[in-house]
Amino acid sequence: MDNKSRIRAFIARFTGDAAVKDDDNIFELGLVNSLFTMQLVVFIEREFSLTIQNDELNLDNFKSVDAINALIDSKSKPGDVYL
């Protein structure tokens, strides 16, 4: 399963049957709230073995599947593979 699929699956646990496109802003659509962000941070750190720094706790990094994936990519070392 690729990163975006894993992110989508996690978001789906909180949004039910809502169809979420990769570029949809899940906060603006009202699918999740700010408390969800902390659950998402914990998921990302555990699932992808990353540490999210305080300066990265910007809603823009978590607003869509694409944004989350970009954050993960930016923190990944060349050659990292998340299976």
C-alpha atoms as a PDB file:
ATOM      1  CA  MET A   1       0.000   0.000   0.000  1.00  0.00           C
ATOM      2  CA  ASP A   2       1.452   3.376  -0.951  1.00  0.00           C
ATOM      3  CA  ASN A   3       1.654   6.371   1.398  1.00  0.00           C
ATOM      4  CA  LYS A   4      -1.433   8.120   0.037  1.00  0.00           C
ATOM      5  CA  SER A   5      -3.518   4.958   0.398  1.00  0.00           C
ATOM      6  CA  ARG A   6      -2.418   4.600   4.003  1.00  0.00           C
ATOM      7  CA  ILE A   7      -3.227   8.253   4.708  1.00  0.00           C
ATOM      8  CA  ARG A   8      -6.644   7.927   3.024  1.00  0.00           C
ATOM      9  CA  ALA A   9      -7.421   4.798   5.050  1.00  0.00           C
ATOM     10  CA  PHE A  10      -6.599   6.605   8.309  1.00  0.00           C
ATOM     11  CA  ILE A  11      -8.741   9.628   7.395  1.00  0.00           C
ATOM     12  CA  ALA A  12     -11.604   7.332   6.356  1.00  0.00           C
ATOM     13  CA  ARG A  13     -11.733   5.961   9.898  1.00  0.00           C
ATOM     14  CA  PHE A  14     -12.888   9.422  11.016  1.00  0.00           C
ATOM     15  CA  THR A  15     -14.935  10.576   8.028  1.00  0.00           C
ATOM     16  CA  GLY A  16     -17.088   7.525   7.403  1.00  0.00           C
ATOM     17  CA  ASP A  17     -18.297   7.220   3.844  1.00  0.00           C
ATOM     18  CA  ALA A  18     -17.212  10.705   2.731  1.00  0.00           C
ATOM     19  CA  ALA A  19     -15.344  10.551  -0.568  1.00  0.00           C
ATOM     20  CA  VAL A  20     -12.108  12.476  -0.086  1.00  0.00           C
ATOM     21  CA  LYS A  21      -9.963  13.453  -3.050  1.00  0.00           C
ATOM     22  CA  ASP A  22      -6.236  13.863  -2.524  1.00  0.00           C
ATOM     23  CA  ASP A  23      -6.428  17.658  -2.821  1.00  0.00           C
ATOM     24  CA  ASP A  24      -9.591  18.149  -0.715  1.00  0.00           C
ATOM     25  CA  ASN A  25      -9.123  20.345   2.352  1.00  0.00           C
ATOM     26  CA  ILE A  26     -10.581  18.025   4.984  1.00  0.00           C
ATOM     27  CA  PHE A  27     -10.885  20.852   7.531  1.00  0.00           C
ATOM     28  CA  GLU A  28     -12.678  23.307   5.227  1.00  0.00           C
ATOM     29  CA  LEU A  29     -15.078  20.530   4.197  1.00  0.00           C
ATOM     30  CA  GLY A  30     -15.900  20.010   7.881  1.00  0.00           C
ATOM     31  CA  LEU A  31     -14.927  16.343   7.755  1.00  0.00           C
ATOM     32  CA  VAL A  32     -12.556  16.641  10.726  1.00  0.00           C
ATOM     33  CA  ASN A  33     -11.733  19.157  13.439  1.00  0.00           C
ATOM     34  CA  SER A  34      -8.564  20.519  15.001  1.00  0.00           C
ATOM     35  CA  LEU A  35      -8.458  17.735  17.604  1.00  0.00           C
ATOM     36  CA  PHE A  36      -8.133  15.287  14.731  1.00  0.00           C
ATOM     37  CA  THR A  37      -4.839  16.954  13.829  1.00  0.00           C
ATOM     38  CA  MET A  38      -3.140  15.574  16.932  1.00  0.00           C
ATOM     39  CA  GLN A  39      -4.411  12.071  16.155  1.00  0.00           C
ATOM     40  CA  LEU A  40      -3.083  12.522  12.640  1.00  0.00           C
ATOM     41  CA  VAL A  41       0.332  13.625  13.937  1.00  0.00           C
ATOM     42  CA  VAL A  42       0.551  10.522  16.134  1.00  0.00           C
ATOM     43  CA  PHE A  43      -0.481   8.341  13.180  1.00  0.00           C
ATOM     44  CA  ILE A  44       2.166   9.886  10.897  1.00  0.00           C
ATOM     45  CA  GLU A  45       4.915   9.569  13.493  1.00  0.00           C
ATOM     46  CA  ARG A  46       4.116   5.927  14.213  1.00  0.00           C
ATOM     47  CA  GLU A  47       3.182   4.777  10.719  1.00  0.00           C
ATOM     48  CA  PHE A  48       6.124   6.399   8.949  1.00  0.00           C
ATOM     49  CA  SER A  49       8.682   6.437  11.801  1.00  0.00           C
ATOM     50  CA  LEU A  50       9.003  10.212  11.649  1.00  0.00           C
ATOM     51  CA  THR A  51       9.082  13.004  14.193  1.00  0.00           C
ATOM     52  CA  ILE A  52       6.935  16.051  13.512  1.00  0.00           C
ATOM     53  CA  GLN A  53       8.666  19.163  14.837  1.00  0.00           C
ATOM     54  CA  ASN A  54       6.800  22.065  16.480  1.00  0.00           C
ATOM     55  CA  ASP A  55       7.481  24.345  13.506  1.00  0.00           C
ATOM     56  CA  GLU A  56       5.814  21.755  11.239  1.00  0.00           C
ATOM     57  CA  LEU A  57       2.568  21.818  13.237  1.00  0.00           C
ATOM     58  CA  ASN A  58       0.981  24.079  10.666  1.00  0.00           C
ATOM     59  CA  LEU A  59      -2.514  23.227   9.446  1.00  0.00           C
ATOM     60  CA  ASP A  60      -1.296  23.612   5.860  1.00  0.00           C
ATOM     61  CA  ASN A  61       0.799  20.456   6.369  1.00  0.00           C
ATOM     62  CA  PHE A  62      -2.253  18.404   7.348  1.00  0.00           C
ATOM     63  CA  LYS A  63      -5.148  19.835   5.321  1.00  0.00           C
ATOM     64  CA  SER A  64      -5.204  17.224   2.549  1.00  0.00           C
ATOM     65  CA  VAL A  65      -3.842  13.845   1.561  1.00  0.00           C
ATOM     66  CA  ASP A  66      -1.476  15.641  -0.840  1.00  0.00           C
ATOM     67  CA  ALA A  67      -0.220  17.998   1.896  1.00  0.00           C
ATOM     68  CA  ILE A  68       0.336  15.159   4.356  1.00  0.00           C
ATOM     69  CA  ASN A  69       2.145  13.121   1.729  1.00  0.00           C
ATOM     70  CA  ALA A  70       4.358  16.117   0.862  1.00  0.00           C
ATOM     71  CA  LEU A  71       5.262  16.511   4.552  1.00  0.00           C
ATOM     72  CA  ILE A  72       6.171  12.827   4.784  1.00  0.00           C
ATOM     73  CA  ASP A  73       8.230  13.055   1.592  1.00  0.00           C
ATOM     74  CA  SER A  74      10.065  16.145   2.863  1.00  0.00           C
ATOM     75  CA  LYS A  75      11.065  14.334   6.056  1.00  0.00           C
ATOM     76  CA  SER A  76      12.069  11.080   4.398  1.00  0.00           C
ATOM     77  CA  LYS A  77      15.633  10.245   3.631  1.00  0.00           C
ATOM     78  CA  PRO A  78      16.481   9.162   0.088  1.00  0.00           C
ATOM     79  CA  GLY A  79      15.928   5.439  -0.156  1.00  0.00           C
ATOM     80  CA  ASP A  80      13.380   5.277   2.688  1.00  0.00           C
ATOM     81  CA  VAL A  81      10.531   2.922   1.882  1.00  0.00           C
ATOM     82  CA  TYR A  82       7.467   2.629   4.100  1.00  0.00           C
ATOM     83  CA  LEU A  83       5.833  -0.762   3.810  1.00  0.00           C
END
